[in-house]
């Protein structure tokens, strides 16, 4: 099912319009977050971070409804896709404090119905 979705012409058109016609799929990762995650320390990607991979896109598909207020929506610092980052292999330098992110950026929630 994932491979079929990644070959969808509409999705390819959207991605190509952002990244260019020479776009390639270099892989994908599936992550299932459960209610067993009770603390940030259990899932390191829960912290504000930069992926340290250059210019790429992330695609989120909700497998179940994600409520904006009561659920666990993905938070995004709006506009940071335009920020120039310098690659570093040092993990701590790719993490940011919540107070700094919220002071410097507008934070938006990724939430919605299953399949969205």
C-alpha atoms as a PDB file:
ATOM      1  CA  UNK A   1       0.000   0.000   0.000  1.00  0.00           C
ATOM      2  CA  UNK A   2       2.794   2.496   0.762  1.00  0.00           C
ATOM      3  CA  UNK A   3       4.537   1.957  -2.571  1.00  0.00           C
ATOM      4  CA  UNK A   4       1.237   2.423  -4.412  1.00  0.00           C
ATOM      5  CA  UNK A   5       0.597   5.686  -2.588  1.00  0.00           C
ATOM      6  CA  UNK A   6       4.107   6.940  -3.412  1.00  0.00           C
ATOM      7  CA  UNK A   7       3.469   6.291  -7.124  1.00  0.00           C
ATOM      8  CA  UNK A   8       0.275   8.385  -7.072  1.00  0.00           C
ATOM      9  CA  UNK A   9       0.482  10.940  -9.912  1.00  0.00           C
ATOM     10  CA  UNK A  10      -1.092  13.752  -7.876  1.00  0.00           C
ATOM     11  CA  UNK A  11       1.394  13.225  -5.052  1.00  0.00           C
ATOM     12  CA  UNK A  12       4.303  13.100  -7.528  1.00  0.00           C
ATOM     13  CA  UNK A  13       3.111  16.367  -9.121  1.00  0.00           C
ATOM     14  CA  UNK A  14       2.915  18.096  -5.736  1.00  0.00           C
ATOM     15  CA  UNK A  15       6.339  16.886  -4.642  1.00  0.00           C
ATOM     16  CA  UNK A  16       7.902  17.757  -8.022  1.00  0.00           C
ATOM     17  CA  UNK A  17       6.481  21.271  -7.892  1.00  0.00           C
ATOM     18  CA  UNK A  18       8.250  21.789  -4.568  1.00  0.00           C
ATOM     19  CA  UNK A  19      11.521  19.889  -5.086  1.00  0.00           C
ATOM     20  CA  UNK A  20      11.854  19.917  -8.895  1.00  0.00           C
ATOM     21  CA  UNK A  21      11.414  17.438 -11.713  1.00  0.00           C
ATOM     22  CA  UNK A  22      14.449  15.361 -10.763  1.00  0.00           C
ATOM     23  CA  UNK A  23      12.903  14.271  -7.461  1.00  0.00           C
ATOM     24  CA  UNK A  24      13.504  10.689  -6.324  1.00  0.00           C
ATOM     25  CA  UNK A  25      12.109   8.604  -3.492  1.00  0.00           C
ATOM     26  CA  UNK A  26      15.063   7.538  -1.374  1.00  0.00           C
ATOM     27  CA  UNK A  27      13.105   5.470   1.111  1.00  0.00           C
ATOM     28  CA  UNK A  28      10.446   5.756   3.719  1.00  0.00           C
ATOM     29  CA  UNK A  29       9.931   5.092   7.377  1.00  0.00           C
ATOM     30  CA  UNK A  30       6.770   3.980   9.118  1.00  0.00           C
ATOM     31  CA  UNK A  31       6.336   4.990  12.738  1.00  0.00           C
ATOM     32  CA  UNK A  32       3.426   4.002  14.941  1.00  0.00           C
ATOM     33  CA  UNK A  33       2.990   6.118  18.054  1.00  0.00           C
ATOM     34  CA  UNK A  34       0.899   4.519  20.761  1.00  0.00           C
ATOM     35  CA  UNK A  35      -0.570   5.626  24.063  1.00  0.00           C
ATOM     36  CA  UNK A  36       2.219   3.667  25.765  1.00  0.00           C
ATOM     37  CA  UNK A  37       4.460   6.680  25.132  1.00  0.00           C
ATOM     38  CA  UNK A  38       4.120   8.631  28.338  1.00  0.00           C
ATOM     39  CA  UNK A  39       7.248  10.785  28.272  1.00  0.00           C
ATOM     40  CA  UNK A  40       9.361  12.661  25.753  1.00  0.00           C
ATOM     41  CA  UNK A  41      12.362  10.537  26.695  1.00  0.00           C
ATOM     42  CA  UNK A  42      10.659   7.447  25.235  1.00  0.00           C
ATOM     43  CA  UNK A  43      10.575   8.962  21.732  1.00  0.00           C
ATOM     44  CA  UNK A  44      13.480  11.233  20.920  1.00  0.00           C
ATOM     45  CA  UNK A  45      11.792  12.660  17.784  1.00  0.00           C
ATOM     46  CA  UNK A  46       9.152  14.176  20.074  1.00  0.00           C
ATOM     47  CA  UNK A  47      11.613  16.966  20.836  1.00  0.00           C
ATOM     48  CA  UNK A  48      11.895  19.963  18.527  1.00  0.00           C
ATOM     49  CA  UNK A  49      14.526  19.038  15.962  1.00  0.00           C
ATOM     50  CA  UNK A  50      15.961  19.512  12.512  1.00  0.00           C
ATOM     51  CA  UNK A  51      16.361  16.245  10.597  1.00  0.00           C
ATOM     52  CA  UNK A  52      19.875  17.039   9.348  1.00  0.00           C
ATOM     53  CA  UNK A  53      19.156  15.596   5.896  1.00  0.00           C
ATOM     54  CA  UNK A  54      18.956  18.576   3.576  1.00  0.00           C
ATOM     55  CA  UNK A  55      15.910  19.415   1.517  1.00  0.00           C
ATOM     56  CA  UNK A  56      13.320  16.658   1.820  1.00  0.00           C
ATOM     57  CA  UNK A  57       9.624  16.291   2.435  1.00  0.00           C
ATOM     58  CA  UNK A  58       7.818  14.377   5.122  1.00  0.00           C
ATOM     59  CA  UNK A  59       4.414  12.918   4.467  1.00  0.00           C
ATOM     60  CA  UNK A  60       2.109  12.100   7.349  1.00  0.00           C
ATOM     61  CA  UNK A  61      -0.877   9.810   6.841  1.00  0.00           C
ATOM     62  CA  UNK A  62      -3.151   9.438   9.848  1.00  0.00           C
ATOM     63  CA  UNK A  63      -4.038   5.811  10.522  1.00  0.00           C
ATOM     64  CA  UNK A  64      -6.669   6.990  13.001  1.00  0.00           C
ATOM     65  CA  UNK A  65      -8.284  10.300  13.893  1.00  0.00           C
ATOM     66  CA  UNK A  66      -5.871  12.734  15.548  1.00  0.00           C
ATOM     67  CA  UNK A  67      -7.702  15.301  17.646  1.00  0.00           C
ATOM     68  CA  UNK A  68      -6.072  18.741  17.728  1.00  0.00           C
ATOM     69  CA  UNK A  69      -6.779  19.332  21.414  1.00  0.00           C
ATOM     70  CA  UNK A  70      -7.113  15.926  23.091  1.00  0.00           C
ATOM     71  CA  UNK A  71      -4.899  13.874  20.785  1.00  0.00           C
ATOM     72  CA  UNK A  72      -1.189  13.968  20.078  1.00  0.00           C
ATOM     73  CA  UNK A  73      -0.885  16.125  16.965  1.00  0.00           C
ATOM     74  CA  UNK A  74       2.463  16.602  15.282  1.00  0.00           C
ATOM     75  CA  UNK A  75       3.657  20.153  15.896  1.00  0.00           C
ATOM     76  CA  UNK A  76       5.476  22.076  13.170  1.00  0.00           C
ATOM     77  CA  UNK A  77       7.367  25.355  13.475  1.00  0.00           C
ATOM     78  CA  UNK A  78       5.841  27.234  10.556  1.00  0.00           C
ATOM     79  CA  UNK A  79       8.255  28.601   7.976  1.00  0.00           C
ATOM     80  CA  UNK A  80      11.309  26.659   9.106  1.00  0.00           C
ATOM     81  CA  UNK A  81      11.468  24.880   5.742  1.00  0.00           C
ATOM     82  CA  UNK A  82      12.958  28.135   4.459  1.00  0.00           C
ATOM     83  CA  UNK A  83      15.712  28.204   7.075  1.00  0.00           C
ATOM     84  CA  UNK A  84      19.242  27.393   5.930  1.00  0.00           C
ATOM     85  CA  UNK A  85      20.804  24.723   8.132  1.00  0.00           C
ATOM     86  CA  UNK A  86      24.368  23.556   8.255  1.00  0.00           C
ATOM     87  CA  UNK A  87      24.772  19.802   8.322  1.00  0.00           C
ATOM     88  CA  UNK A  88      26.131  18.423  11.541  1.00  0.00           C
ATOM     89  CA  UNK A  89      26.612  14.879  12.731  1.00  0.00           C
ATOM     90  CA  UNK A  90      26.305  16.070  16.311  1.00  0.00           C
ATOM     91  CA  UNK A  91      22.902  14.962  17.565  1.00  0.00           C
ATOM     92  CA  UNK A  92      22.558  17.588  20.350  1.00  0.00           C
ATOM     93  CA  UNK A  93      22.980  20.439  17.842  1.00  0.00           C
ATOM     94  CA  UNK A  94      19.895  19.279  15.952  1.00  0.00           C
ATOM     95  CA  UNK A  95      17.584  19.663  18.992  1.00  0.00           C
ATOM     96  CA  UNK A  96      15.897  22.897  20.120  1.00  0.00           C
ATOM     97  CA  UNK A  97      14.267  24.098  23.318  1.00  0.00           C
ATOM     98  CA  UNK A  98      10.506  24.451  23.308  1.00  0.00           C
ATOM     99  CA  UNK A  99      10.598  28.014  24.635  1.00  0.00           C
ATOM    100  CA  UNK A 100      12.953  29.133  21.849  1.00  0.00           C
ATOM    101  CA  UNK A 101      10.901  27.512  19.074  1.00  0.00           C
ATOM    102  CA  UNK A 102       7.646  29.034  20.348  1.00  0.00           C
ATOM    103  CA  UNK A 103       9.252  32.460  20.745  1.00  0.00           C
ATOM    104  CA  UNK A 104      10.803  32.464  17.258  1.00  0.00           C
ATOM    105  CA  UNK A 105       8.131  30.661  15.229  1.00  0.00           C
ATOM    106  CA  UNK A 106       4.403  30.210  14.883  1.00  0.00           C
ATOM    107  CA  UNK A 107       3.595  26.616  15.865  1.00  0.00           C
ATOM    108  CA  UNK A 108       0.887  24.756  13.965  1.00  0.00           C
ATOM    109  CA  UNK A 109      -0.738  21.404  14.741  1.00  0.00           C
ATOM    110  CA  UNK A 110      -0.937  18.487  12.339  1.00  0.00           C
ATOM    111  CA  UNK A 111      -4.225  16.785  13.101  1.00  0.00           C
ATOM    112  CA  UNK A 112      -7.249  15.446  11.285  1.00  0.00           C
ATOM    113  CA  UNK A 113      -9.322  12.469  10.293  1.00  0.00           C
ATOM    114  CA  UNK A 114      -7.933   9.021   9.521  1.00  0.00           C
ATOM    115  CA  UNK A 115      -6.579   8.844   6.005  1.00  0.00           C
ATOM    116  CA  UNK A 116      -5.841  12.568   5.955  1.00  0.00           C
END
